[in-house]
Amino acid sequence: MAKEDNPTGATALRMMIGGQLRRLREAAKITRGEAAYEIRGSESKISRMELGRVSFRLRDVEDLMVMYGVTDEAEIERVVSLCREANRPSWWHRYGDALPDWFSAYLDMETAASTIRTYEVQLVPGLLQSRDYARALLMLGYGHTPLQEIDHRIDVRMARQKILDREREPATLWSVIDEAALHRPFGGRGVMRDQLNSLIEACDRPNVRIQIVPFTSGAHSGAGTPFTWLRFAYPELKDGHLHGAPHRRPVPRPRRRCGRLPGGDGAPVRPGRPAARDARHHSPDHPGPLLLVTGAGAWTLSPR
């Protein structure tokens, strides 16, 4: 990863900083119009800043924090440092031509997520795909696309998986996969055999949990479409202020189950219950902002 890249996800970081600026402004009982006048801008600019939709002008952030009553120079410098980080391009920018705009924003959010829960019906989730399996899928869907662009898409998919192995705060992945995905041999028997072995090896990671919804489960409410939940801990935000390095509780190592692809320890996926509901009720992580992405491309963001 190049030095100039932002490994934390610019979109999520801008949203975090913008939310902090909004809370400071509201606590100081200052209107958007008054804040805009302070930095010679418009109310719409203040709104875009607070929603994380634009990059930050560092001088504007300093002036706003002083206006909002923040007098601690160290606190102001911490926020400004985060703004510098948020203004840097994300790791995926070199592949920008091969990515739709909505997916570029999603990659930022996925990179910043502390916990990822995903349910797949037909396919192995992207964060667990082998390179050959990913190539077979992309060649099927984009057979008339230049091979160079397909290679870039594969590189993006493999680069996404680094969030599970990064040294600082690796993401926790809880993946529920329909049994149908294990019987659909994309790329042929050899590619599928390697993919299944890759899934088994992934279960040895302490931050990865895989569960299978067997055919015998029958109908369940998650059968209609795949979806992904992204959970953001945002531990830098505490009591309305930005703080330093976070601490995460360890995730228990999953146990293997002989005779079929392993599932995690804890509650199994039960017939008649959505797999994601089991994951939510037994999740070890603490509450935080939540993003739901469905197979239809719809996003839902909630504060908890």
Protein backbone atom coordinates (compact mmCIF):
# COMPACT_ATOMS: atom_id res chain seq x y z
CA MET A 1 0.00 0.00 0.00
CA ALA A 2 1.46 3.32 -1.07
CA LYS A 3 2.39 5.81 1.59
CA GLU A 4 0.05 8.47 0.24
CA ASP A 5 -2.98 6.17 0.40
CA ASN A 6 -5.54 6.42 3.19
CA PRO A 7 -5.84 2.94 4.77
CA THR A 8 -8.76 3.88 7.03
CA GLY A 9 -11.35 4.95 4.47
CA ALA A 10 -11.77 8.65 3.69
CA THR A 11 -15.58 8.59 3.52
CA ALA A 12 -16.04 7.09 6.98
CA LEU A 13 -13.40 9.37 8.49
CA ARG A 14 -15.03 12.47 6.99
CA MET A 15 -18.40 11.37 8.37
CA MET A 16 -16.88 10.90 11.82
CA ILE A 17 -15.23 14.32 11.80
CA GLY A 18 -18.31 16.00 10.35
CA GLY A 19 -20.50 14.47 13.04
CA GLN A 20 -18.13 15.77 15.70
CA LEU A 21 -18.23 19.28 14.23
CA ARG A 22 -22.03 19.18 14.18
CA ARG A 23 -22.20 18.12 17.84
CA LEU A 24 -19.80 20.90 18.84
CA ARG A 25 -21.83 23.48 16.90
CA GLU A 26 -25.14 22.36 18.39
CA ALA A 27 -23.67 22.28 21.92
CA ALA A 28 -22.52 25.89 21.43
CA LYS A 29 -26.04 26.81 20.14
CA ILE A 30 -24.60 28.21 16.90
CA THR A 31 -26.61 28.08 13.67
CA ARG A 32 -25.26 26.86 10.34
CA GLY A 33 -25.60 30.39 9.01
CA GLU A 34 -23.46 31.83 11.82
CA ALA A 35 -20.84 29.12 11.30
CA ALA A 36 -20.83 29.76 7.55
CA TYR A 37 -20.27 33.48 8.10
CA GLU A 38 -17.23 32.70 10.29
CA ILE A 39 -15.45 30.86 7.46
CA ARG A 40 -16.84 33.05 4.63
CA GLY A 41 -18.84 30.14 3.27
CA SER A 42 -22.46 29.11 2.83
CA GLU A 43 -24.87 27.11 4.94
CA SER A 44 -24.74 24.36 2.33
CA LYS A 45 -20.96 24.14 2.80
CA ILE A 46 -21.39 23.68 6.55
CA SER A 47 -24.02 21.02 5.85
CA ARG A 48 -21.73 19.16 3.43
CA MET A 49 -18.87 19.30 5.92
CA GLU A 50 -21.03 17.91 8.72
CA LEU A 51 -22.30 15.11 6.49
CA GLY A 52 -18.77 14.18 5.42
CA ARG A 53 -19.44 14.82 1.75
CA VAL A 54 -16.49 17.12 1.04
CA SER A 55 -12.84 17.32 1.96
CA PHE A 56 -11.83 19.70 4.76
CA ARG A 57 -10.02 23.00 4.52
CA LEU A 58 -7.81 22.82 7.61
CA ARG A 59 -8.04 26.54 8.41
CA ASP A 60 -11.84 26.34 8.30
CA VAL A 61 -11.85 23.47 10.78
CA GLU A 62 -9.55 25.35 13.17
CA ASP A 63 -11.70 28.51 12.98
CA LEU A 64 -14.91 26.56 13.54
CA MET A 65 -13.57 24.71 16.57
CA VAL A 66 -12.43 27.98 18.15
CA MET A 67 -15.85 29.48 17.40
CA TYR A 68 -17.50 26.44 19.01
CA GLY A 69 -15.59 27.04 22.23
CA VAL A 70 -12.77 24.48 21.95
CA THR A 71 -9.73 26.05 23.63
CA ASP A 72 -7.48 23.00 24.00
CA GLU A 73 -4.82 23.38 21.30
CA ALA A 74 -3.92 19.70 21.52
CA GLU A 75 -7.56 18.76 20.88
CA ILE A 76 -7.72 21.08 17.87
CA GLU A 77 -4.51 19.59 16.49
CA ARG A 78 -5.88 16.06 16.84
CA VAL A 79 -8.94 16.97 14.81
CA VAL A 80 -6.84 18.76 12.19
CA SER A 81 -4.57 15.71 11.93
CA LEU A 82 -7.62 13.54 11.29
CA CYS A 83 -8.73 16.01 8.63
CA ARG A 84 -5.37 15.65 6.89
CA GLU A 85 -5.86 11.88 6.96
CA ALA A 86 -9.40 12.21 5.59
CA ASN A 87 -8.16 14.42 2.73
CA ARG A 88 -5.74 11.76 1.51
CA PRO A 89 -6.91 9.44 -1.29
CA SER A 90 -8.16 6.02 -0.29
CA TRP A 91 -6.25 2.86 -1.18
CA TRP A 92 -8.62 2.03 -4.04
CA HIS A 93 -8.12 5.31 -5.93
CA ARG A 94 -5.60 3.74 -8.34
CA TYR A 95 -8.41 1.43 -9.51
CA GLY A 96 -10.99 4.19 -9.75
CA ASP A 97 -11.64 3.76 -13.47
CA ALA A 98 -12.74 0.16 -12.92
CA LEU A 99 -15.11 0.95 -10.02
CA PRO A 100 -18.58 2.53 -10.02
CA ASP A 101 -18.95 5.56 -7.75
CA TRP A 102 -21.29 3.83 -5.29
CA PHE A 103 -18.88 0.94 -4.82
CA SER A 104 -15.95 3.29 -4.22
CA ALA A 105 -17.89 4.84 -1.34
CA TYR A 106 -18.74 1.36 -0.03
CA LEU A 107 -15.05 0.36 -0.04
CA ASP A 108 -14.30 3.32 2.22
CA MET A 109 -17.02 2.24 4.63
CA GLU A 110 -15.93 -1.39 4.58
CA THR A 111 -12.33 -0.41 5.29
CA ALA A 112 -13.40 1.57 8.35
CA ALA A 113 -15.77 -1.09 9.72
CA SER A 114 -14.86 -2.88 12.95
CA THR A 115 -17.35 -5.72 12.38
CA ILE A 116 -18.70 -7.06 9.09
CA ARG A 117 -21.64 -9.45 8.93
CA THR A 118 -22.58 -10.81 5.55
CA TYR A 119 -25.14 -13.28 4.21
CA GLU A 120 -24.75 -14.81 0.74
CA VAL A 121 -27.12 -17.06 -1.17
CA GLN A 122 -25.41 -18.04 -4.44
CA LEU A 123 -21.77 -17.05 -3.98
CA VAL A 124 -18.87 -17.16 -1.55
CA PRO A 125 -18.57 -13.64 -0.03
CA GLY A 126 -16.02 -11.39 -1.69
CA LEU A 127 -13.90 -11.10 1.47
CA LEU A 128 -13.43 -14.90 1.42
CA GLN A 129 -13.01 -15.55 -2.30
CA SER A 130 -9.85 -17.06 -3.75
CA ARG A 131 -8.28 -15.31 -6.73
CA ASP A 132 -9.27 -18.03 -9.21
CA TYR A 133 -12.84 -18.14 -7.89
CA ALA A 134 -13.10 -14.35 -8.21
CA ARG A 135 -11.75 -14.51 -11.76
CA ALA A 136 -14.33 -17.16 -12.71
CA LEU A 137 -17.13 -14.93 -11.40
CA LEU A 138 -15.88 -11.79 -13.12
CA MET A 139 -15.30 -13.55 -16.42
CA LEU A 140 -18.89 -14.78 -16.25
CA GLY A 141 -20.38 -11.37 -15.60
CA TYR A 142 -17.95 -9.27 -17.63
CA GLY A 143 -16.91 -11.59 -20.46
CA HIS A 144 -16.81 -8.71 -22.95
CA THR A 145 -14.81 -6.43 -20.65
CA PRO A 146 -11.09 -5.95 -21.45
CA LEU A 147 -8.91 -8.40 -19.53
CA GLN A 148 -6.94 -5.53 -17.95
CA GLU A 149 -10.10 -4.17 -16.34
CA ILE A 150 -11.01 -7.64 -15.08
CA ASP A 151 -7.52 -7.94 -13.57
CA HIS A 152 -8.04 -4.60 -11.81
CA ARG A 153 -11.37 -5.78 -10.40
CA ILE A 154 -9.71 -8.95 -9.11
CA ASP A 155 -6.89 -6.90 -7.55
CA VAL A 156 -9.48 -4.76 -5.76
CA ARG A 157 -11.25 -7.85 -4.42
CA MET A 158 -7.98 -9.31 -3.12
CA ALA A 159 -6.93 -5.96 -1.63
CA ARG A 160 -10.25 -5.73 0.26
CA GLN A 161 -9.35 -8.90 2.14
CA LYS A 162 -6.37 -7.17 3.79
CA ILE A 163 -8.72 -5.65 6.35
CA LEU A 164 -8.86 -9.10 7.98
CA ASP A 165 -5.07 -9.30 8.33
CA ARG A 166 -4.00 -5.73 9.07
CA GLU A 167 -1.78 -5.32 12.14
CA ARG A 168 -3.86 -2.64 13.82
CA GLU A 169 -7.51 -3.43 14.53
CA PRO A 170 -8.24 -6.17 11.98
CA ALA A 171 -11.91 -6.30 11.11
CA THR A 172 -14.10 -9.05 12.54
CA LEU A 173 -15.97 -11.00 9.85
CA TRP A 174 -19.07 -13.06 10.57
CA SER A 175 -20.19 -14.74 7.35
CA VAL A 176 -23.36 -16.79 6.91
CA ILE A 177 -23.42 -18.69 3.60
CA ASP A 178 -26.27 -20.66 2.08
CA GLU A 179 -25.29 -24.24 1.33
CA ALA A 180 -26.18 -23.64 -2.34
CA ALA A 181 -23.05 -21.51 -2.72
CA LEU A 182 -20.88 -24.51 -1.82
CA HIS A 183 -22.41 -26.71 -4.52
CA ARG A 184 -22.15 -24.19 -7.37
CA PRO A 185 -18.75 -24.92 -8.99
CA PHE A 186 -17.71 -21.61 -10.52
CA GLY A 187 -14.53 -22.14 -12.52
CA GLY A 188 -14.76 -25.92 -12.41
CA ARG A 189 -14.08 -28.58 -9.80
CA GLY A 190 -10.43 -27.63 -9.24
CA VAL A 191 -11.18 -23.96 -8.60
CA MET A 192 -14.07 -24.89 -6.30
CA ARG A 193 -11.93 -27.37 -4.36
CA ASP A 194 -9.32 -24.66 -3.73
CA GLN A 195 -12.06 -22.23 -2.70
CA LEU A 196 -13.50 -24.65 -0.15
CA ASN A 197 -10.02 -25.27 1.26
CA SER A 198 -9.58 -21.50 1.50
CA LEU A 199 -12.80 -21.24 3.52
CA ILE A 200 -11.62 -23.96 5.88
CA GLU A 201 -8.29 -22.17 6.39
CA ALA A 202 -10.13 -18.88 7.01
CA CYS A 203 -11.85 -20.47 10.02
CA ASP A 204 -8.47 -20.70 11.75
CA ARG A 205 -8.35 -16.90 11.98
CA PRO A 206 -9.49 -15.63 15.38
CA ASN A 207 -11.48 -12.79 13.78
CA VAL A 208 -13.37 -14.86 11.19
CA ARG A 209 -16.54 -16.86 11.82
CA ILE A 210 -18.29 -18.85 9.09
CA GLN A 211 -21.68 -20.52 9.38
CA ILE A 212 -23.60 -22.49 6.76
CA VAL A 213 -27.38 -22.46 6.31
CA PRO A 214 -28.08 -26.09 5.28
CA PHE A 215 -30.74 -27.08 2.77
CA THR A 216 -32.57 -28.81 5.60
CA SER A 217 -33.28 -25.42 7.22
CA GLY A 218 -36.04 -24.87 4.72
CA ALA A 219 -37.51 -21.39 4.29
CA HIS A 220 -36.12 -18.44 6.25
CA SER A 221 -36.53 -14.69 5.99
CA GLY A 222 -33.01 -14.11 4.67
CA ALA A 223 -33.47 -16.31 1.62
CA GLY A 224 -34.55 -13.51 -0.70
CA THR A 225 -31.38 -11.49 -1.11
CA PRO A 226 -27.80 -11.26 0.14
CA PHE A 227 -26.95 -8.43 2.51
CA THR A 228 -24.09 -7.00 4.52
CA TRP A 229 -24.00 -5.21 7.86
CA LEU A 230 -21.10 -2.93 8.65
CA ARG A 231 -20.61 -1.95 12.27
CA PHE A 232 -18.45 1.07 13.14
CA ALA A 233 -17.07 1.25 16.65
CA TYR A 234 -15.59 4.75 16.25
CA PRO A 235 -13.71 4.46 19.57
CA GLU A 236 -12.00 7.80 18.90
CA LEU A 237 -15.29 9.47 19.83
CA LYS A 238 -15.94 9.44 23.55
CA ASP A 239 -18.04 11.89 25.54
CA GLY A 240 -18.11 14.28 22.59
CA HIS A 241 -14.33 14.47 22.20
CA LEU A 242 -11.75 12.81 20.00
CA HIS A 243 -9.34 10.50 21.77
CA GLY A 244 -6.38 8.33 20.92
CA ALA A 245 -5.81 4.69 20.11
CA PRO A 246 -8.77 2.37 20.64
CA HIS A 247 -8.89 -0.92 22.49
CA ARG A 248 -10.81 -3.90 21.19
CA ARG A 249 -11.89 -6.92 23.12
CA PRO A 250 -10.55 -10.18 21.67
CA VAL A 251 -12.81 -12.35 19.55
CA PRO A 252 -13.00 -16.02 20.59
CA ARG A 253 -11.41 -18.46 18.15
CA PRO A 254 -14.01 -20.45 16.20
CA ARG A 255 -14.12 -24.23 16.68
CA ARG A 256 -14.08 -26.60 13.73
CA ARG A 257 -16.90 -29.02 13.21
CA CYS A 258 -15.92 -32.27 11.50
CA GLY A 259 -17.84 -33.61 8.51
CA ARG A 260 -18.86 -30.32 6.88
CA LEU A 261 -17.58 -26.80 6.40
CA PRO A 262 -17.07 -25.35 9.90
CA GLY A 263 -19.32 -22.88 11.57
CA GLY A 264 -18.37 -20.59 14.45
CA ASP A 265 -18.91 -21.32 18.09
CA GLY A 266 -21.98 -19.81 19.71
CA ALA A 267 -25.56 -20.05 18.48
CA PRO A 268 -26.06 -22.00 15.23
CA VAL A 269 -28.26 -20.75 12.45
CA ARG A 270 -31.67 -22.20 13.24
CA PRO A 271 -34.50 -23.00 10.82
CA GLY A 272 -37.16 -20.32 10.64
CA ARG A 273 -34.91 -17.55 11.97
CA PRO A 274 -32.94 -15.04 9.90
CA ALA A 275 -29.24 -15.81 10.04
CA ALA A 276 -28.43 -12.14 10.56
CA ARG A 277 -30.77 -11.97 13.56
CA ASP A 278 -28.79 -14.75 15.25
CA ALA A 279 -25.60 -12.83 14.52
CA ARG A 280 -27.00 -9.62 15.96
CA HIS A 281 -28.26 -11.20 19.19
CA HIS A 282 -24.97 -13.00 19.84
CA SER A 283 -22.53 -10.38 18.61
CA PRO A 284 -19.56 -9.71 20.91
CA ASP A 285 -18.95 -6.14 19.75
CA HIS A 286 -20.30 -3.05 21.45
CA PRO A 287 -22.96 -0.82 19.82
CA GLY A 288 -21.88 1.62 17.16
CA PRO A 289 -23.10 3.17 13.91
CA LEU A 290 -24.50 0.53 11.57
CA LEU A 291 -24.69 0.41 7.76
CA LEU A 292 -26.91 -2.18 6.04
CA VAL A 293 -26.26 -2.92 2.36
CA THR A 294 -28.70 -5.18 0.52
CA GLY A 295 -28.29 -7.06 -2.74
CA ALA A 296 -30.41 -4.41 -4.45
CA GLY A 297 -27.81 -1.77 -3.68
CA ALA A 298 -29.91 -0.03 -1.03
CA TRP A 299 -28.07 1.47 1.95
CA THR A 300 -29.50 2.09 5.40
CA LEU A 301 -27.41 3.93 8.01
CA SER A 302 -28.44 4.07 11.66
CA PRO A 303 -26.64 5.48 14.72
CA ARG A 304 -26.89 2.17 16.61
